Protein backbone atom coordinates (compact mmCIF):
# COMPACT_ATOMS: atom_id res chain seq x y z
CA MET A 1 -1.20 6.44 -16.25
CA LEU A 2 1.31 7.09 -13.48
CA THR A 3 3.62 9.90 -14.49
CA LYS A 4 7.20 10.69 -13.67
CA PRO A 5 8.05 13.29 -11.01
CA THR A 6 7.48 16.90 -11.98
CA SER A 7 7.40 20.08 -9.94
CA SER A 8 4.19 20.15 -7.92
CA PRO A 9 2.95 21.34 -4.54
CA PHE A 10 3.22 17.77 -3.24
CA GLN A 11 6.79 17.43 -4.40
CA ASP A 12 7.67 20.82 -2.91
CA ARG A 13 6.29 19.79 0.48
CA HIS A 14 8.35 16.60 0.40
CA ARG A 15 11.39 17.93 -1.45
CA LYS A 16 13.84 15.76 0.48
CA GLN A 17 11.80 12.61 0.06
CA GLY A 18 8.47 11.69 -1.44
CA GLY A 19 6.32 8.64 -1.01
CA LEU A 20 2.96 7.00 -0.59
CA PHE A 21 1.60 4.80 2.17
CA ILE A 22 -0.48 1.97 0.70
CA THR A 23 -3.30 0.74 2.92
CA GLY A 24 -6.45 -1.27 2.36
CA THR A 25 -10.05 -1.55 3.41
CA ASP A 26 -9.43 -5.16 4.38
CA THR A 27 -6.84 -7.92 4.20
CA GLY A 28 -6.22 -10.04 1.11
CA ILE A 29 -7.43 -7.40 -1.35
CA GLY A 30 -4.27 -6.96 -3.37
CA LYS A 31 -2.31 -4.19 -1.62
CA THR A 32 0.94 -5.89 -2.56
CA PHE A 33 -0.19 -6.32 -6.17
CA VAL A 34 -0.98 -2.60 -6.40
CA THR A 35 2.15 -1.49 -4.54
CA ALA A 36 4.38 -3.72 -6.64
CA GLY A 37 2.76 -2.55 -9.88
CA ILE A 38 3.18 1.12 -9.01
CA ALA A 39 6.79 0.47 -7.97
CA ALA A 40 7.63 -1.34 -11.21
CA SER A 41 5.94 1.31 -13.34
CA LEU A 42 7.83 4.15 -11.66
CA LYS A 43 11.10 2.23 -11.81
CA LYS A 44 10.60 1.80 -15.54
CA GLN A 45 10.26 5.57 -15.84
CA GLY A 46 13.58 6.09 -14.09
CA VAL A 47 12.32 6.96 -10.62
CA ASP A 48 14.67 6.07 -7.76
CA ILE A 49 12.06 3.92 -6.00
CA GLY A 50 12.28 2.04 -2.71
CA VAL A 51 9.82 -0.19 -0.86
CA PHE A 52 9.21 -0.78 2.84
CA LYS A 53 6.84 -3.30 4.39
CA PRO A 54 7.79 -3.25 8.05
CA MET A 55 5.80 -6.28 9.21
CA LEU A 56 4.97 -9.61 7.59
CA SER A 57 2.85 -12.32 9.22
CA GLY A 58 2.46 -15.93 8.13
CA ASP A 59 5.19 -15.98 5.50
CA ASP A 60 8.96 -15.93 5.09
CA ARG A 61 10.36 -12.68 3.71
CA ASN A 62 13.11 -14.67 1.95
CA ASN A 63 10.49 -16.40 -0.18
CA PRO A 64 10.43 -14.50 -3.51
CA GLU A 65 6.66 -15.06 -3.62
CA SER A 66 6.09 -13.46 -0.22
CA ASP A 67 4.77 -9.91 -0.11
CA ALA A 68 8.23 -8.65 0.81
CA GLY A 69 9.87 -10.67 -1.95
CA ILE A 70 7.42 -9.47 -4.58
CA LEU A 71 7.93 -5.83 -3.60
CA LYS A 72 11.72 -6.13 -3.71
CA ILE A 73 11.70 -7.85 -7.10
CA MET A 74 9.16 -5.53 -8.72
CA ALA A 75 10.84 -2.36 -7.44
CA GLU A 76 14.30 -3.71 -8.30
CA ASP A 77 15.26 -2.48 -4.86
CA SER A 78 18.81 -3.48 -3.90
CA THR A 79 18.10 -2.95 -0.21
CA PRO A 80 18.49 -6.23 1.74
CA ILE A 81 15.18 -7.97 2.34
CA GLU A 82 15.83 -7.86 6.11
CA GLN A 83 15.67 -4.07 5.88
CA ILE A 84 12.69 -3.92 3.53
CA THR A 85 10.76 -6.11 6.00
CA PRO A 86 12.56 -5.99 9.34
CA PHE A 87 9.89 -7.81 11.38
CA GLN A 88 8.33 -11.14 10.43
CA PHE A 89 6.16 -13.59 12.34
CA LYS A 90 5.17 -17.21 11.77
CA GLU A 91 1.43 -17.08 12.34
CA PRO A 92 -1.00 -15.43 9.85
CA LEU A 93 -2.40 -13.05 12.47
CA SER A 94 -2.28 -9.34 13.07
CA PRO A 95 1.37 -8.42 13.67
CA TYR A 96 0.60 -7.55 17.29
CA GLU A 97 -1.02 -10.92 18.02
CA ALA A 98 1.56 -12.86 16.01
CA ALA A 99 4.37 -11.14 17.91
CA LYS A 100 2.71 -11.88 21.25
CA GLN A 101 2.54 -15.57 20.41
CA GLU A 102 6.32 -15.50 19.90
CA GLY A 103 6.92 -13.61 23.12
CA ARG A 104 8.06 -10.51 21.26
CA ILE A 105 7.22 -6.85 21.72
CA ILE A 106 7.74 -4.56 18.72
CA THR A 107 7.36 -0.89 19.58
CA MET A 108 6.63 2.02 17.30
CA ASP A 109 10.16 3.24 18.01
CA ASP A 110 11.51 -0.09 16.74
CA ILE A 111 9.73 0.36 13.40
CA VAL A 112 10.71 4.02 13.09
CA SER A 113 14.33 3.11 13.78
CA GLU A 114 14.27 0.59 10.90
CA TRP A 115 12.48 3.10 8.66
CA ASN A 116 15.15 5.72 9.32
CA LYS A 117 17.82 3.24 8.24
CA VAL A 118 16.27 2.57 4.81
CA ARG A 119 14.61 5.87 3.95
CA VAL A 120 17.94 7.42 2.92
CA ASN A 121 18.44 4.79 0.21
CA HIS A 122 15.94 6.19 -2.33
CA ASP A 123 14.22 9.40 -3.43
CA PHE A 124 10.69 7.99 -3.44
CA PHE A 125 9.21 5.26 -1.25
CA LEU A 126 6.15 3.06 -1.28
CA VAL A 127 5.32 1.89 2.24
CA GLU A 128 2.83 -0.96 2.55
CA GLY A 129 0.88 -1.48 5.74
CA ALA A 130 -0.75 -4.64 7.06
CA GLY A 131 -4.45 -5.08 6.33
CA GLY A 132 -6.29 -1.83 7.07
CA LEU A 133 -5.61 1.27 9.12
CA ALA A 134 -7.05 -0.19 12.33
CA VAL A 135 -4.93 -3.36 12.38
CA PRO A 136 -2.89 -3.58 15.61
CA LEU A 137 0.87 -3.54 15.04
CA GLY A 138 1.92 -3.45 18.68
CA GLU A 139 0.90 -2.39 22.14
CA ASN A 140 -1.29 0.71 21.87
CA TYR A 141 -0.61 1.50 18.20
CA LEU A 142 -2.24 0.64 14.89
CA VAL A 143 -1.33 0.84 11.21
CA GLY A 144 -2.91 4.30 11.05
CA ASP A 145 -0.60 5.53 13.80
CA LEU A 146 2.41 4.35 11.81
CA ALA A 147 1.07 6.03 8.66
CA LYS A 148 0.81 9.28 10.59
CA VAL A 149 4.39 9.03 11.84
CA ILE A 150 5.77 8.26 8.36
CA GLY A 151 3.74 11.13 6.95
CA PHE A 152 3.15 10.06 3.36
CA PRO A 153 -0.27 10.47 1.70
CA LEU A 154 -2.44 7.35 1.64
CA VAL A 155 -3.54 5.29 -1.30
CA ILE A 156 -6.51 3.19 -0.21
CA VAL A 157 -6.88 -0.16 -2.01
CA ALA A 158 -10.48 -1.38 -1.99
CA ARG A 159 -12.10 -4.63 -3.07
CA PRO A 160 -14.52 -4.45 -6.00
CA ASN A 161 -17.67 -6.20 -4.77
CA LEU A 162 -20.76 -5.51 -2.67
CA GLY A 163 -19.91 -3.91 0.66
CA THR A 164 -16.84 -2.05 -0.51
CA VAL A 165 -18.54 1.35 -0.38
CA ASN A 166 -19.17 0.91 3.35
CA HIS A 167 -15.64 -0.34 4.04
CA THR A 168 -14.05 2.41 1.96
CA LEU A 169 -16.06 5.26 3.46
CA LEU A 170 -15.26 3.98 6.96
CA THR A 171 -11.55 3.85 6.07
CA ILE A 172 -11.67 7.39 4.71
CA SER A 173 -13.49 8.63 7.79
CA TYR A 174 -10.94 7.04 10.11
CA ALA A 175 -8.01 8.36 8.06
CA LYS A 176 -9.41 11.89 8.21
CA LYS A 177 -9.93 11.55 11.95
CA LEU A 178 -6.22 10.75 12.25
CA GLY A 179 -5.38 13.79 10.12
CA LEU A 180 -3.95 11.72 7.27
CA GLU A 181 -3.75 13.07 3.73
CA ILE A 182 -5.41 10.76 1.19
CA ALA A 183 -4.17 10.72 -2.40
CA GLY A 184 -7.00 8.51 -3.63
CA ILE A 185 -8.74 5.16 -3.90
CA ILE A 186 -7.85 2.24 -6.16
CA ILE A 187 -10.46 -0.48 -6.66
CA ASN A 188 -8.62 -3.73 -7.31
CA GLY A 189 -9.66 -7.04 -8.88
CA ILE A 190 -12.57 -5.93 -11.07
CA ASN A 191 -14.35 -8.76 -12.88
CA ARG A 192 -17.00 -7.24 -15.11
CA THR A 193 -18.51 -10.65 -15.90
CA THR A 194 -19.51 -11.26 -12.29
CA GLU A 195 -23.17 -11.46 -11.31
CA ASP A 196 -22.56 -8.81 -8.63
CA PRO A 197 -24.04 -5.62 -10.15
CA SER A 198 -22.30 -3.41 -7.58
CA VAL A 199 -19.01 -3.97 -9.44
CA GLN A 200 -20.40 -1.69 -12.14
CA THR A 201 -21.50 1.06 -9.75
CA ASN A 202 -19.13 1.17 -6.76
CA ALA A 203 -16.70 3.70 -8.24
CA GLY A 204 -19.52 6.07 -9.11
CA THR A 205 -21.12 5.71 -5.70
CA LEU A 206 -17.83 6.44 -3.95
CA SER A 207 -17.38 9.53 -6.10
CA GLU A 208 -20.80 10.76 -4.97
CA PHE A 209 -20.24 10.24 -1.26
CA THR A 210 -16.64 11.37 -0.76
CA ASP A 211 -14.31 14.06 -2.03
CA ILE A 212 -11.48 11.50 -2.34
CA PRO A 213 -10.81 10.66 -6.01
CA VAL A 214 -11.10 7.14 -7.38
CA LEU A 215 -7.75 6.85 -9.16
CA GLY A 216 -8.71 3.78 -11.14
CA GLU A 217 -10.26 0.33 -11.28
CA ILE A 218 -7.83 -2.52 -11.86
CA PRO A 219 -9.21 -5.60 -13.59
CA TRP A 220 -8.55 -9.10 -12.33
CA VAL A 221 -5.31 -10.46 -13.83
CA GLN A 222 -4.95 -14.21 -14.23
CA MET A 223 -1.43 -15.49 -13.40
CA PRO A 224 0.22 -12.06 -13.63
CA ASP A 225 3.89 -11.53 -14.44
CA LYS A 226 5.87 -8.31 -14.08
CA GLU A 227 5.02 -7.02 -17.54
CA ALA A 228 1.32 -7.76 -17.12
CA ILE A 229 1.19 -6.09 -13.72
CA CYS A 230 2.93 -2.98 -15.05
CA LYS A 231 0.58 -2.77 -18.01
CA VAL A 232 -2.59 -3.14 -15.98
CA ILE A 233 -1.42 -0.44 -13.56
CA GLU A 234 -0.42 1.96 -16.33
CA ASP A 235 -3.60 1.35 -18.34
CA ASN A 236 -6.03 1.77 -15.46
CA ILE A 237 -4.63 4.23 -12.93
CA THR A 238 -4.47 7.94 -13.64
CA PHE A 239 -2.70 10.19 -11.18
CA GLN A 240 0.48 12.11 -10.51
CA PRO A 241 1.86 10.64 -7.28
CA PHE A 242 4.41 13.39 -6.65
C-alpha cells in the first residue's frame, strides 16, 4: 500500500516540497484514475496533498467529470480549478496543436509561472502530464521537458495488454535520456479474464528488462467511486512515495 511520509533519502532531497510527476506510455490509459487514487489515499492518511494538471484538451475543467475536476475532488484540494488546470483547449488534440487552432501560444515560462503560484499551497504534489513524455505542449517543448523543469520523480502508467512492454521500455529509455528520475511503473486496467495472455506476463517481462520497479498492477474497476478507487490503489500498489 501507499504509506504516509517518513524520513527517507527522497524526502530529505525534497525537504521543502515533495511530489510525483504522473506520465503514461500512451493516452487514455488511466493516468487520471491512478493520480486521483493516489491523491485520495494520501489525503486519507493526512498528507497535505495538492494536484496540478497544467493542460487539458477536449474538455471543460469546470466539469466535475473532467480530468481536472476528478483530481480536485479526489484530492479534496481547495485550490481553484483555474489554478489546478490553468490552460484548457476545446479540441481533443495535443495541447500544442489544440492551442494553435485557437491562435494561442503557451510557453514553458507560462506553465512554470502558474506552477509557482500553486506549489506553495501544499506539502506534496501530484502533477499529471498529457499523454506520454513526447507529447508536444508548446513550441519546442514536450511533456518530458516540463517534467524535467518541475523535477519530481516519474510514475509511469502503462496499459496492460500486448505491446505495453515495448511502449514502456521506450518511455523509460526516453526518460533516462532526459535525466529524469523514475519511481516506478504502474500497470493499469488489468482484466485477468481476457484472452490476451500477455496480461499475465507483462509485469514479469518488464522486471526482467529494466531496473525500474513495477509498483503494482491495478485491476479494471467497473463504475468506480471514490471509495472503490482508493481501495484498489491501496490493495494493489506497494511503494513509499516520499
